[in-house]
Amino acid sequence: MTRIRDLSEPVVFPVAPDGHSEHIRYSFGAAEGVTA
């Protein structure tokens, strides 16, 4: 959870529907320690 809550570099996603998918992908990647 700490990786997901990292606020050092805010990430802005576009509006739905694409933004939702990007947000989920980013969150799971952050939880796994994968950076974009």
N, C-alpha and C. Protein backbone atom coordinates (compact mmCIF):
# COMPACT_ATOMS: atom_id res chain seq x y z
N MET A 1 0.83 -1.20 0.00
CA MET A 1 0.00 0.00 0.00
C MET A 1 0.87 1.26 0.00
N THR A 2 2.05 1.19 0.58
CA THR A 2 2.88 2.38 0.63
C THR A 2 3.32 2.82 -0.76
N ARG A 3 3.58 1.88 -1.65
CA ARG A 3 3.98 2.23 -3.01
C ARG A 3 2.85 2.94 -3.74
N ILE A 4 1.62 2.50 -3.52
CA ILE A 4 0.47 3.12 -4.19
C ILE A 4 0.27 4.55 -3.66
N ARG A 5 0.57 4.76 -2.39
CA ARG A 5 0.35 6.08 -1.78
C ARG A 5 1.50 7.04 -1.99
N ASP A 6 2.50 6.70 -2.76
CA ASP A 6 3.64 7.57 -3.02
C ASP A 6 3.17 8.85 -3.71
N LEU A 7 3.34 9.98 -3.05
CA LEU A 7 2.88 11.26 -3.60
C LEU A 7 4.04 12.12 -4.10
N SER A 8 5.24 11.54 -4.23
CA SER A 8 6.39 12.32 -4.65
C SER A 8 6.24 12.87 -6.06
N GLU A 9 5.58 12.13 -6.94
CA GLU A 9 5.31 12.58 -8.30
C GLU A 9 3.85 12.33 -8.62
N PRO A 10 3.00 13.36 -8.50
CA PRO A 10 1.58 13.17 -8.79
C PRO A 10 1.37 12.69 -10.23
N VAL A 11 0.43 11.80 -10.40
CA VAL A 11 0.10 11.26 -11.72
C VAL A 11 -1.32 11.68 -12.05
N VAL A 12 -1.51 12.26 -13.23
CA VAL A 12 -2.84 12.71 -13.66
C VAL A 12 -3.29 11.82 -14.81
N PHE A 13 -4.48 11.26 -14.68
CA PHE A 13 -5.03 10.38 -15.70
C PHE A 13 -6.13 11.10 -16.46
N PRO A 14 -6.32 10.77 -17.76
CA PRO A 14 -7.40 11.38 -18.52
C PRO A 14 -8.76 10.92 -17.99
N VAL A 15 -9.80 11.56 -18.47
CA VAL A 15 -11.15 11.20 -18.02
C VAL A 15 -11.54 9.82 -18.55
N ALA A 16 -12.63 9.28 -18.00
CA ALA A 16 -13.13 7.95 -18.37
C ALA A 16 -13.44 7.89 -19.86
N PRO A 17 -13.40 6.75 -20.48
CA PRO A 17 -13.13 5.44 -19.92
C PRO A 17 -11.64 5.09 -19.87
N ASP A 18 -10.80 5.73 -20.68
CA ASP A 18 -9.39 5.35 -20.72
C ASP A 18 -8.67 5.59 -19.40
N GLY A 19 -8.98 6.68 -18.74
CA GLY A 19 -8.32 7.03 -17.50
C GLY A 19 -8.48 5.97 -16.43
N HIS A 20 -9.65 5.36 -16.36
CA HIS A 20 -9.89 4.32 -15.35
C HIS A 20 -8.97 3.13 -15.57
N SER A 21 -8.86 2.68 -16.80
CA SER A 21 -7.99 1.54 -17.11
C SER A 21 -6.53 1.88 -16.83
N GLU A 22 -6.10 3.08 -17.19
CA GLU A 22 -4.73 3.50 -16.94
C GLU A 22 -4.45 3.57 -15.44
N HIS A 23 -5.43 4.07 -14.68
CA HIS A 23 -5.27 4.16 -13.23
C HIS A 23 -5.11 2.78 -12.61
N ILE A 24 -5.93 1.83 -13.01
CA ILE A 24 -5.85 0.47 -12.48
C ILE A 24 -4.50 -0.15 -12.84
N ARG A 25 -4.09 0.00 -14.09
CA ARG A 25 -2.80 -0.54 -14.55
C ARG A 25 -1.65 0.07 -13.74
N TYR A 26 -1.69 1.38 -13.54
CA TYR A 26 -0.65 2.08 -12.78
C TYR A 26 -0.62 1.60 -11.33
N SER A 27 -1.79 1.48 -10.71
CA SER A 27 -1.87 1.08 -9.31
C SER A 27 -1.34 -0.33 -9.09
N PHE A 28 -1.72 -1.26 -9.96
CA PHE A 28 -1.21 -2.63 -9.83
C PHE A 28 0.29 -2.67 -10.10
N GLY A 29 0.75 -1.88 -11.07
CA GLY A 29 2.18 -1.81 -11.35
C GLY A 29 2.95 -1.25 -10.16
N ALA A 30 2.40 -0.22 -9.52
CA ALA A 30 3.04 0.37 -8.36
C ALA A 30 3.10 -0.63 -7.21
N ALA A 31 2.04 -1.38 -7.03
CA ALA A 31 2.01 -2.38 -5.96
C ALA A 31 3.04 -3.48 -6.20
N GLU A 32 3.32 -3.77 -7.47
CA GLU A 32 4.31 -4.80 -7.80
C GLU A 32 5.72 -4.23 -7.88
N GLY A 33 5.85 -2.91 -7.78
CA GLY A 33 7.16 -2.29 -7.87
C GLY A 33 7.62 -2.01 -9.28
N VAL A 34 6.68 -2.03 -10.23
CA VAL A 34 7.00 -1.76 -11.63
C VAL A 34 6.81 -0.27 -11.88
N THR A 35 7.81 0.37 -12.47
CA THR A 35 7.67 1.79 -12.80
C THR A 35 7.47 1.96 -14.29
N ALA A 36 6.73 2.98 -14.64
CA ALA A 36 6.44 3.23 -16.07
C ALA A 36 7.57 3.96 -16.74
